[in-house]
Amino acid sequence: MCKRILVSVLMVIATVHIQAQDIWYTRNGNISFHAGTSLEDIDGVNNDVASMLNAKTGEIAFTVLVKSFHFKRALMEEHFNENYMESTEFPKATFSGTIVDAGKVNFMKEGNYPVSVEGQLTIHGVTRKIAAPGTITVSGGKVSAMAGFIVLLSDYKISIPGVVADKISKEAKVEVKCNYEKKN
């Protein structure tokens, strides 16, 4: 009887441990965007992106504090937060979705795996469904992910005043890069 209980407990512990090995995370992922024109370079970078990737289910999620985007000029950063993103009212941007073809990725074998990601992107208080191509790389026992997509500012109710309309693109080219660690 004691052996059965001990074996059962060990199996539960092993299952929990195996499931935990399916979870990858980072707190210092990178999201960058370009929303400039030929008249002005507007490039924002955020290196404080929190992300979680479930290798078993393909679930993937990101959370980013809008105020953590940085620019070459402090005034640009101030305008970004106060006039466009209204980061006091909308402090976070999030993505929650899945790697559509996660079964193509062997998280135990080194390689580059092209994938498609779909989910809900929330920016400026607006949530919209998006899809993007990406790449999962497994190397040296680590996992990294990269994706790129375009965000139309009007889709997220981000308005550009006419006085600077020639300097700011109507769309932002977004790149996401994350190096994940296994969750223990």
N, C-alpha and C. Protein backbone atom coordinates (compact mmCIF):
# COMPACT_ATOMS: atom_id res chain seq x y z
N MET A 1 0.82 -1.19 0.00
CA MET A 1 0.00 0.00 0.00
C MET A 1 0.87 1.27 0.00
N CYS A 2 1.88 1.31 0.87
CA CYS A 2 2.79 2.46 0.93
C CYS A 2 3.54 2.63 -0.38
N LYS A 3 3.91 1.50 -1.00
CA LYS A 3 4.64 1.58 -2.27
C LYS A 3 3.75 2.19 -3.34
N ARG A 4 2.46 1.82 -3.37
CA ARG A 4 1.53 2.37 -4.35
C ARG A 4 1.39 3.88 -4.17
N ILE A 5 1.24 4.31 -2.94
CA ILE A 5 1.11 5.75 -2.66
C ILE A 5 2.38 6.47 -3.07
N LEU A 6 3.52 5.92 -2.72
CA LEU A 6 4.80 6.53 -3.07
C LEU A 6 4.95 6.61 -4.59
N VAL A 7 4.62 5.54 -5.30
CA VAL A 7 4.71 5.54 -6.77
C VAL A 7 3.75 6.57 -7.35
N SER A 8 2.54 6.65 -6.81
CA SER A 8 1.55 7.64 -7.29
C SER A 8 2.05 9.06 -7.08
N VAL A 9 2.58 9.34 -5.91
CA VAL A 9 3.11 10.68 -5.62
C VAL A 9 4.27 11.00 -6.56
N LEU A 10 5.17 10.06 -6.76
CA LEU A 10 6.30 10.28 -7.67
C LEU A 10 5.83 10.52 -9.10
N MET A 11 4.80 9.82 -9.54
CA MET A 11 4.26 10.03 -10.89
C MET A 11 3.66 11.43 -11.04
N VAL A 12 2.95 11.88 -10.00
CA VAL A 12 2.38 13.23 -10.03
C VAL A 12 3.49 14.27 -10.08
N ILE A 13 4.51 14.10 -9.25
CA ILE A 13 5.65 15.03 -9.25
C ILE A 13 6.34 15.02 -10.60
N ALA A 14 6.55 13.86 -11.18
CA ALA A 14 7.19 13.77 -12.50
C ALA A 14 6.35 14.44 -13.57
N THR A 15 5.03 14.28 -13.52
CA THR A 15 4.14 14.91 -14.50
C THR A 15 4.21 16.42 -14.38
N VAL A 16 4.15 16.94 -13.15
CA VAL A 16 4.25 18.38 -12.94
C VAL A 16 5.59 18.89 -13.45
N HIS A 17 6.66 18.16 -13.17
CA HIS A 17 7.99 18.57 -13.63
C HIS A 17 8.06 18.57 -15.16
N ILE A 18 7.50 17.55 -15.79
CA ILE A 18 7.51 17.48 -17.26
C ILE A 18 6.71 18.64 -17.84
N GLN A 19 5.53 18.94 -17.25
CA GLN A 19 4.72 20.04 -17.75
C GLN A 19 5.45 21.37 -17.57
N ALA A 20 6.15 21.55 -16.47
CA ALA A 20 6.90 22.79 -16.26
C ALA A 20 8.00 22.96 -17.29
N GLN A 21 8.55 21.84 -17.78
CA GLN A 21 9.59 21.91 -18.79
C GLN A 21 9.05 22.39 -20.13
N ASP A 22 7.75 22.35 -20.33
CA ASP A 22 7.15 22.82 -21.56
C ASP A 22 7.01 24.33 -21.60
N ILE A 23 7.19 25.00 -20.46
CA ILE A 23 7.00 26.44 -20.37
C ILE A 23 8.36 27.15 -20.49
N TRP A 24 8.40 28.10 -21.40
CA TRP A 24 9.58 28.95 -21.61
C TRP A 24 9.15 30.38 -21.33
N TYR A 25 10.06 31.18 -20.79
CA TYR A 25 9.69 32.55 -20.46
C TYR A 25 10.89 33.50 -20.62
N THR A 26 10.57 34.77 -20.68
CA THR A 26 11.58 35.83 -20.63
C THR A 26 10.95 37.07 -20.01
N ARG A 27 11.78 37.86 -19.41
CA ARG A 27 11.36 39.17 -18.90
C ARG A 27 12.13 40.29 -19.59
N ASN A 28 12.98 39.91 -20.51
CA ASN A 28 13.77 40.93 -21.21
C ASN A 28 13.77 40.71 -22.72
N GLY A 29 12.57 40.40 -23.24
CA GLY A 29 12.42 40.31 -24.68
C GLY A 29 12.52 41.70 -25.29
N ASN A 30 12.52 41.75 -26.61
CA ASN A 30 12.71 43.01 -27.33
C ASN A 30 11.58 43.20 -28.33
N ILE A 31 10.97 44.37 -28.28
CA ILE A 31 10.03 44.79 -29.32
C ILE A 31 10.54 46.14 -29.82
N SER A 32 10.67 46.24 -31.13
CA SER A 32 11.07 47.51 -31.73
C SER A 32 10.08 47.83 -32.84
N PHE A 33 9.97 49.11 -33.14
CA PHE A 33 9.10 49.51 -34.25
C PHE A 33 9.68 50.71 -34.97
N HIS A 34 9.29 50.81 -36.23
CA HIS A 34 9.65 51.96 -37.05
C HIS A 34 8.36 52.56 -37.58
N ALA A 35 8.12 53.84 -37.31
CA ALA A 35 6.91 54.51 -37.78
C ALA A 35 7.25 55.86 -38.39
N GLY A 36 8.45 55.96 -38.93
CA GLY A 36 8.89 57.22 -39.50
C GLY A 36 8.62 57.30 -40.99
N THR A 37 8.99 58.43 -41.53
CA THR A 37 8.89 58.68 -42.98
C THR A 37 10.25 59.18 -43.45
N SER A 38 10.31 59.59 -44.70
CA SER A 38 11.57 60.13 -45.22
C SER A 38 11.96 61.43 -44.51
N LEU A 39 11.01 62.08 -43.86
CA LEU A 39 11.29 63.33 -43.16
C LEU A 39 11.75 63.15 -41.72
N GLU A 40 11.43 62.00 -41.12
CA GLU A 40 11.74 61.81 -39.70
C GLU A 40 11.92 60.32 -39.40
N ASP A 41 13.01 59.99 -38.68
CA ASP A 41 13.19 58.63 -38.18
C ASP A 41 12.47 58.51 -36.85
N ILE A 42 11.53 57.59 -36.79
CA ILE A 42 10.82 57.35 -35.53
C ILE A 42 10.97 55.87 -35.22
N ASP A 43 11.88 55.58 -34.32
CA ASP A 43 12.19 54.21 -33.95
C ASP A 43 12.10 54.06 -32.44
N GLY A 44 11.23 53.16 -31.99
CA GLY A 44 11.09 52.89 -30.57
C GLY A 44 11.61 51.49 -30.26
N VAL A 45 12.23 51.36 -29.09
CA VAL A 45 12.78 50.07 -28.66
C VAL A 45 12.39 49.82 -27.20
N ASN A 46 11.97 48.59 -26.93
CA ASN A 46 11.61 48.20 -25.57
C ASN A 46 12.29 46.86 -25.28
N ASN A 47 13.18 46.84 -24.29
CA ASN A 47 13.90 45.62 -23.92
C ASN A 47 13.39 45.00 -22.62
N ASP A 48 12.20 45.38 -22.20
CA ASP A 48 11.62 44.88 -20.96
C ASP A 48 10.32 44.11 -21.23
N VAL A 49 10.31 43.34 -22.29
CA VAL A 49 9.11 42.62 -22.69
C VAL A 49 9.02 41.30 -21.93
N ALA A 50 7.89 41.05 -21.30
CA ALA A 50 7.65 39.78 -20.63
C ALA A 50 6.89 38.88 -21.59
N SER A 51 7.33 37.63 -21.71
CA SER A 51 6.69 36.70 -22.62
C SER A 51 6.75 35.29 -22.07
N MET A 52 5.73 34.51 -22.44
CA MET A 52 5.66 33.11 -22.05
C MET A 52 5.30 32.30 -23.29
N LEU A 53 5.96 31.15 -23.43
CA LEU A 53 5.71 30.24 -24.55
C LEU A 53 5.51 28.84 -23.98
N ASN A 54 4.37 28.24 -24.32
CA ASN A 54 4.09 26.87 -23.90
C ASN A 54 4.39 25.96 -25.08
N ALA A 55 5.48 25.21 -25.01
CA ALA A 55 5.92 24.36 -26.12
C ALA A 55 4.93 23.24 -26.39
N LYS A 56 4.21 22.81 -25.39
CA LYS A 56 3.26 21.70 -25.57
C LYS A 56 1.99 22.15 -26.31
N THR A 57 1.45 23.31 -25.94
CA THR A 57 0.18 23.76 -26.51
C THR A 57 0.34 24.80 -27.63
N GLY A 58 1.52 25.41 -27.72
CA GLY A 58 1.73 26.46 -28.70
C GLY A 58 1.24 27.82 -28.24
N GLU A 59 0.74 27.92 -27.02
CA GLU A 59 0.28 29.21 -26.51
C GLU A 59 1.47 30.14 -26.35
N ILE A 60 1.25 31.41 -26.70
CA ILE A 60 2.30 32.41 -26.56
C ILE A 60 1.66 33.72 -26.13
N ALA A 61 2.32 34.44 -25.23
CA ALA A 61 1.76 35.69 -24.72
C ALA A 61 2.89 36.68 -24.46
N PHE A 62 2.55 37.96 -24.64
CA PHE A 62 3.49 39.05 -24.40
C PHE A 62 2.79 40.14 -23.62
N THR A 63 3.53 40.81 -22.75
CA THR A 63 3.05 42.01 -22.07
C THR A 63 4.19 43.01 -22.09
N VAL A 64 3.83 44.25 -22.44
CA VAL A 64 4.85 45.29 -22.52
C VAL A 64 4.31 46.59 -21.93
N LEU A 65 5.11 47.24 -21.10
CA LEU A 65 4.74 48.55 -20.59
C LEU A 65 5.08 49.58 -21.66
N VAL A 66 4.10 50.36 -22.04
CA VAL A 66 4.27 51.33 -23.12
C VAL A 66 5.35 52.35 -22.76
N LYS A 67 5.41 52.76 -21.50
CA LYS A 67 6.40 53.75 -21.09
C LYS A 67 7.84 53.22 -21.16
N SER A 68 8.00 51.93 -21.38
CA SER A 68 9.34 51.35 -21.48
C SER A 68 9.93 51.43 -22.88
N PHE A 69 9.19 52.01 -23.83
CA PHE A 69 9.77 52.25 -25.16
C PHE A 69 10.68 53.46 -25.08
N HIS A 70 11.83 53.34 -25.69
CA HIS A 70 12.79 54.44 -25.68
C HIS A 70 13.13 54.86 -27.11
N PHE A 71 13.46 56.14 -27.24
CA PHE A 71 13.74 56.75 -28.53
C PHE A 71 15.07 57.49 -28.47
N LYS A 72 15.57 57.89 -29.63
CA LYS A 72 16.84 58.62 -29.67
C LYS A 72 16.73 59.97 -28.95
N ARG A 73 15.56 60.59 -29.04
CA ARG A 73 15.37 61.91 -28.43
C ARG A 73 14.30 61.85 -27.35
N ALA A 74 14.57 62.48 -26.22
CA ALA A 74 13.64 62.48 -25.09
C ALA A 74 12.31 63.11 -25.46
N LEU A 75 12.32 64.15 -26.28
CA LEU A 75 11.08 64.82 -26.67
C LEU A 75 10.18 63.88 -27.48
N MET A 76 10.79 63.06 -28.31
CA MET A 76 10.03 62.09 -29.09
C MET A 76 9.36 61.07 -28.15
N GLU A 77 10.09 60.65 -27.14
CA GLU A 77 9.56 59.72 -26.15
C GLU A 77 8.39 60.35 -25.39
N GLU A 78 8.54 61.60 -25.03
CA GLU A 78 7.47 62.32 -24.33
C GLU A 78 6.22 62.42 -25.20
N HIS A 79 6.38 62.80 -26.47
CA HIS A 79 5.23 62.89 -27.38
C HIS A 79 4.58 61.54 -27.60
N PHE A 80 5.38 60.50 -27.73
CA PHE A 80 4.88 59.14 -27.91
C PHE A 80 3.96 58.76 -26.75
N ASN A 81 4.42 59.00 -25.53
CA ASN A 81 3.66 58.61 -24.33
C ASN A 81 2.45 59.50 -24.08
N GLU A 82 2.60 60.80 -24.25
CA GLU A 82 1.52 61.73 -23.89
C GLU A 82 0.52 61.95 -25.02
N ASN A 83 0.99 62.15 -26.24
CA ASN A 83 0.11 62.56 -27.32
C ASN A 83 -0.46 61.41 -28.15
N TYR A 84 0.30 60.35 -28.30
CA TYR A 84 -0.13 59.29 -29.22
C TYR A 84 -0.60 58.04 -28.49
N MET A 85 0.22 57.50 -27.62
CA MET A 85 -0.13 56.25 -26.93
C MET A 85 -0.91 56.48 -25.64
N GLU A 86 -0.92 57.70 -25.13
CA GLU A 86 -1.63 58.02 -23.90
C GLU A 86 -1.35 56.94 -22.84
N SER A 87 -0.07 56.74 -22.58
CA SER A 87 0.38 55.62 -21.76
C SER A 87 -0.08 55.69 -20.29
N THR A 88 -0.51 56.84 -19.82
CA THR A 88 -1.08 56.89 -18.47
C THR A 88 -2.44 56.19 -18.46
N GLU A 89 -3.23 56.41 -19.49
CA GLU A 89 -4.54 55.78 -19.59
C GLU A 89 -4.45 54.33 -20.09
N PHE A 90 -3.49 54.06 -20.98
CA PHE A 90 -3.32 52.73 -21.57
C PHE A 90 -1.87 52.27 -21.33
N PRO A 91 -1.56 51.84 -20.11
CA PRO A 91 -0.16 51.59 -19.74
C PRO A 91 0.47 50.35 -20.38
N LYS A 92 -0.34 49.38 -20.83
CA LYS A 92 0.23 48.14 -21.35
C LYS A 92 -0.28 47.84 -22.75
N ALA A 93 0.54 47.13 -23.48
CA ALA A 93 0.14 46.50 -24.74
C ALA A 93 0.33 45.01 -24.52
N THR A 94 -0.58 44.19 -25.05
CA THR A 94 -0.50 42.75 -24.82
C THR A 94 -0.79 41.98 -26.11
N PHE A 95 -0.29 40.77 -26.14
CA PHE A 95 -0.64 39.81 -27.20
C PHE A 95 -0.87 38.48 -26.53
N SER A 96 -1.93 37.81 -26.95
CA SER A 96 -2.22 36.47 -26.46
C SER A 96 -2.69 35.64 -27.64
N GLY A 97 -1.97 34.56 -27.92
CA GLY A 97 -2.33 33.76 -29.07
C GLY A 97 -1.68 32.41 -29.08
N THR A 98 -1.57 31.85 -30.28
CA THR A 98 -0.98 30.53 -30.42
C THR A 98 -0.09 30.47 -31.65
N ILE A 99 0.87 29.57 -31.55
CA ILE A 99 1.66 29.22 -32.73
C ILE A 99 0.81 28.19 -33.46
N VAL A 100 0.28 28.58 -34.61
CA VAL A 100 -0.68 27.77 -35.33
C VAL A 100 -0.12 26.40 -35.67
N ASP A 101 1.11 26.37 -36.09
CA ASP A 101 1.75 25.13 -36.53
C ASP A 101 2.84 24.70 -35.55
N ALA A 102 2.54 24.78 -34.26
CA ALA A 102 3.52 24.46 -33.22
C ALA A 102 4.03 23.02 -33.33
N GLY A 103 3.23 22.13 -33.89
CA GLY A 103 3.64 20.74 -34.03
C GLY A 103 4.85 20.57 -34.93
N LYS A 104 5.15 21.57 -35.76
CA LYS A 104 6.33 21.50 -36.64
C LYS A 104 7.63 21.78 -35.90
N VAL A 105 7.51 22.32 -34.69
CA VAL A 105 8.70 22.70 -33.92
C VAL A 105 9.07 21.56 -32.98
N ASN A 106 10.31 21.09 -33.10
CA ASN A 106 10.82 20.09 -32.17
C ASN A 106 11.72 20.83 -31.18
N PHE A 107 11.19 21.10 -30.00
CA PHE A 107 11.90 21.87 -29.00
C PHE A 107 13.10 21.11 -28.41
N MET A 108 13.25 19.86 -28.81
CA MET A 108 14.38 19.05 -28.33
C MET A 108 15.47 18.92 -29.40
N LYS A 109 15.23 19.47 -30.59
CA LYS A 109 16.19 19.33 -31.70
C LYS A 109 16.58 20.70 -32.22
N GLU A 110 17.88 20.94 -32.35
CA GLU A 110 18.35 22.23 -32.83
C GLU A 110 17.88 22.48 -34.26
N GLY A 111 17.56 23.74 -34.51
CA GLY A 111 17.14 24.13 -35.86
C GLY A 111 16.33 25.40 -35.85
N ASN A 112 16.07 25.90 -37.07
CA ASN A 112 15.20 27.05 -37.27
C ASN A 112 13.88 26.54 -37.82
N TYR A 113 12.79 26.94 -37.19
CA TYR A 113 11.47 26.46 -37.56
C TYR A 113 10.57 27.63 -37.94
N PRO A 114 10.22 27.76 -39.22
CA PRO A 114 9.27 28.81 -39.60
C PRO A 114 7.88 28.47 -39.05
N VAL A 115 7.20 29.46 -38.48
CA VAL A 115 5.90 29.25 -37.87
C VAL A 115 4.95 30.40 -38.24
N SER A 116 3.69 30.19 -37.95
CA SER A 116 2.68 31.24 -38.06
C SER A 116 2.07 31.44 -36.68
N VAL A 117 1.85 32.69 -36.33
CA VAL A 117 1.30 33.03 -35.02
C VAL A 117 -0.01 33.80 -35.25
N GLU A 118 -1.04 33.45 -34.49
CA GLU A 118 -2.31 34.16 -34.54
C GLU A 118 -2.76 34.46 -33.13
N GLY A 119 -3.42 35.59 -32.97
CA GLY A 119 -3.94 35.91 -31.65
C GLY A 119 -4.52 37.30 -31.57
N GLN A 120 -4.72 37.76 -30.35
CA GLN A 120 -5.33 39.05 -30.06
C GLN A 120 -4.26 40.03 -29.59
N LEU A 121 -4.12 41.13 -30.33
CA LEU A 121 -3.18 42.19 -29.98
C LEU A 121 -3.98 43.36 -29.42
N THR A 122 -3.60 43.82 -28.23
CA THR A 122 -4.26 44.96 -27.60
C THR A 122 -3.25 46.09 -27.48
N ILE A 123 -3.60 47.19 -28.12
CA ILE A 123 -2.79 48.42 -28.07
C ILE A 123 -3.76 49.58 -27.90
N HIS A 124 -3.43 50.52 -27.03
CA HIS A 124 -4.20 51.75 -26.88
C HIS A 124 -5.66 51.45 -26.55
N GLY A 125 -5.89 50.35 -25.80
CA GLY A 125 -7.23 49.98 -25.38
C GLY A 125 -8.07 49.28 -26.44
N VAL A 126 -7.49 49.00 -27.60
CA VAL A 126 -8.21 48.34 -28.70
C VAL A 126 -7.60 46.95 -28.91
N THR A 127 -8.46 45.95 -29.04
CA THR A 127 -8.02 44.58 -29.28
C THR A 127 -8.45 44.16 -30.68
N ARG A 128 -7.48 43.62 -31.43
CA ARG A 128 -7.75 43.16 -32.78
C ARG A 128 -7.02 41.84 -33.02
N LYS A 129 -7.61 41.03 -33.86
CA LYS A 129 -6.97 39.76 -34.23
C LYS A 129 -5.87 40.05 -35.25
N ILE A 130 -4.70 39.42 -35.04
CA ILE A 130 -3.62 39.56 -36.01
C ILE A 130 -3.02 38.18 -36.30
N ALA A 131 -2.32 38.10 -37.40
CA ALA A 131 -1.56 36.90 -37.77
C ALA A 131 -0.21 37.38 -38.29
N ALA A 132 0.83 36.63 -37.98
CA ALA A 132 2.18 37.04 -38.39
C ALA A 132 3.05 35.81 -38.60
N PRO A 133 3.97 35.90 -39.56
CA PRO A 133 4.97 34.84 -39.70
C PRO A 133 6.07 35.04 -38.67
N GLY A 134 6.70 33.95 -38.29
CA GLY A 134 7.78 34.04 -37.33
C GLY A 134 8.74 32.88 -37.48
N THR A 135 9.74 32.87 -36.62
CA THR A 135 10.72 31.79 -36.61
C THR A 135 11.03 31.43 -35.16
N ILE A 136 10.99 30.13 -34.87
CA ILE A 136 11.43 29.62 -33.59
C ILE A 136 12.79 28.98 -33.84
N THR A 137 13.79 29.33 -33.02
CA THR A 137 15.12 28.76 -33.14
C THR A 137 15.46 28.01 -31.86
N VAL A 138 15.87 26.76 -32.04
CA VAL A 138 16.33 25.96 -30.91
C VAL A 138 17.83 25.77 -31.10
N SER A 139 18.61 26.23 -30.12
CA SER A 139 20.07 26.15 -30.24
C SER A 139 20.69 26.11 -28.85
N GLY A 140 21.58 25.15 -28.64
CA GLY A 140 22.28 25.04 -27.36
C GLY A 140 21.35 24.87 -26.18
N GLY A 141 20.23 24.19 -26.38
CA GLY A 141 19.28 23.98 -25.29
C GLY A 141 18.44 25.19 -24.96
N LYS A 142 18.52 26.22 -25.79
CA LYS A 142 17.73 27.44 -25.57
C LYS A 142 16.78 27.65 -26.74
N VAL A 143 15.74 28.43 -26.49
CA VAL A 143 14.72 28.71 -27.49
C VAL A 143 14.64 30.21 -27.69
N SER A 144 14.60 30.63 -28.95
CA SER A 144 14.36 32.04 -29.25
C SER A 144 13.25 32.13 -30.29
N ALA A 145 12.59 33.26 -30.32
CA ALA A 145 11.49 33.48 -31.25
C ALA A 145 11.63 34.86 -31.86
N MET A 146 11.23 34.96 -33.11
CA MET A 146 11.29 36.22 -33.83
C MET A 146 10.05 36.32 -34.72
N ALA A 147 9.46 37.50 -34.80
CA ALA A 147 8.32 37.73 -35.67
C ALA A 147 8.31 39.18 -36.09
N GLY A 148 7.66 39.45 -37.20
CA GLY A 148 7.51 40.81 -37.69
C GLY A 148 6.13 40.98 -38.29
N PHE A 149 5.56 42.17 -38.09
CA PHE A 149 4.23 42.44 -38.64
C PHE A 149 4.04 43.96 -38.71
N ILE A 150 2.96 44.36 -39.37
CA ILE A 150 2.66 45.78 -39.52
C ILE A 150 1.39 46.10 -38.75
N VAL A 151 1.41 47.22 -38.04
CA VAL A 151 0.26 47.71 -37.30
C VAL A 151 -0.20 49.01 -37.94
N LEU A 152 -1.45 49.06 -38.37
CA LEU A 152 -2.02 50.32 -38.85
C LEU A 152 -2.45 51.12 -37.63
N LEU A 153 -1.93 52.33 -37.48
CA LEU A 153 -2.22 53.13 -36.30
C LEU A 153 -3.70 53.40 -36.15
N SER A 154 -4.40 53.63 -37.25
CA SER A 154 -5.83 53.91 -37.19
C SER A 154 -6.63 52.72 -36.66
N ASP A 155 -6.14 51.49 -36.86
CA ASP A 155 -6.83 50.30 -36.33
C ASP A 155 -6.88 50.32 -34.81
N TYR A 156 -5.95 51.03 -34.18
CA TYR A 156 -5.86 51.08 -32.72
C TYR A 156 -6.19 52.47 -32.18
N LYS A 157 -6.89 53.24 -32.98
CA LYS A 157 -7.36 54.58 -32.60
C LYS A 157 -6.23 55.48 -32.14
N ILE A 158 -5.09 55.36 -32.81
CA ILE A 158 -3.96 56.24 -32.55
C ILE A 158 -3.99 57.30 -33.64
N SER A 159 -4.32 58.53 -33.26
CA SER A 159 -4.46 59.58 -34.26
C SER A 159 -3.21 60.44 -34.34
N ILE A 160 -2.94 60.86 -35.55
CA ILE A 160 -1.77 61.69 -35.83
C ILE A 160 -2.26 63.09 -36.22
N PRO A 161 -1.86 64.12 -35.46
CA PRO A 161 -2.27 65.49 -35.80
C PRO A 161 -1.74 65.89 -37.18
N GLY A 162 -2.54 66.66 -37.90
CA GLY A 162 -2.18 67.09 -39.25
C GLY A 162 -0.85 67.81 -39.33
N VAL A 163 -0.46 68.52 -38.29
CA VAL A 163 0.77 69.29 -38.30
C VAL A 163 2.02 68.40 -38.42
N VAL A 164 1.94 67.12 -37.98
CA VAL A 164 3.08 66.21 -38.08
C VAL A 164 2.78 65.00 -38.97
N ALA A 165 1.69 65.05 -39.71
CA ALA A 165 1.26 63.90 -40.53
C ALA A 165 2.31 63.48 -41.55
N ASP A 166 3.13 64.42 -42.03
CA ASP A 166 4.17 64.07 -43.01
C ASP A 166 5.37 63.39 -42.37
N LYS A 167 5.50 63.49 -41.05
CA LYS A 167 6.65 62.94 -40.35
C LYS A 167 6.39 61.56 -39.74
N ILE A 168 5.11 61.22 -39.55
CA ILE A 168 4.77 59.95 -38.91
C ILE A 168 4.00 59.08 -39.89
N SER A 169 4.47 57.86 -40.06
CA SER A 169 3.82 56.91 -40.95
C SER A 169 2.46 56.51 -40.39
N LYS A 170 1.57 56.11 -41.27
CA LYS A 170 0.25 55.63 -40.85
C LYS A 170 0.31 54.20 -40.35
N GLU A 171 1.49 53.58 -40.49
CA GLU A 171 1.67 52.21 -40.02
C GLU A 171 3.02 52.08 -39.31
N ALA A 172 3.08 51.14 -38.40
CA ALA A 172 4.33 50.87 -37.68
C ALA A 172 4.78 49.46 -38.06
N LYS A 173 6.04 49.35 -38.43
CA LYS A 173 6.64 48.04 -38.71
C LYS A 173 7.23 47.53 -37.40
N VAL A 174 6.67 46.42 -36.91
CA VAL A 174 7.01 45.91 -35.58
C VAL A 174 7.85 44.65 -35.70
N GLU A 175 8.89 44.55 -34.89
CA GLU A 175 9.71 43.34 -34.79
C GLU A 175 9.75 42.90 -33.33
N VAL A 176 9.57 41.59 -33.13
CA VAL A 176 9.60 41.00 -31.80
C VAL A 176 10.71 39.96 -31.77
N LYS A 177 11.57 40.04 -30.75
CA LYS A 177 12.65 39.07 -30.57
C LYS A 177 12.72 38.69 -29.10
N CYS A 178 12.67 37.39 -28.82
CA CYS A 178 12.73 36.93 -27.44
C CYS A 178 13.66 35.73 -27.32
N ASN A 179 14.50 35.75 -26.31
CA ASN A 179 15.32 34.60 -25.95
C ASN A 179 14.74 34.04 -24.66
N TYR A 180 14.25 32.82 -24.74
CA TYR A 180 13.52 32.22 -23.63
C TYR A 180 14.41 31.32 -22.79
N GLU A 181 14.01 31.18 -21.53
CA GLU A 181 14.61 30.23 -20.60
C GLU A 181 13.51 29.29 -20.14
N LYS A 182 13.91 28.06 -19.79
CA LYS A 182 12.94 27.11 -19.27
C LYS A 182 12.47 27.54 -17.90
N LYS A 183 11.18 27.41 -17.67
CA LYS A 183 10.63 27.68 -16.34
C LYS A 183 10.81 26.44 -15.50
N ASN A 184 11.40 26.62 -14.33
CA ASN A 184 11.64 25.47 -13.44
C ASN A 184 10.53 25.29 -12.44
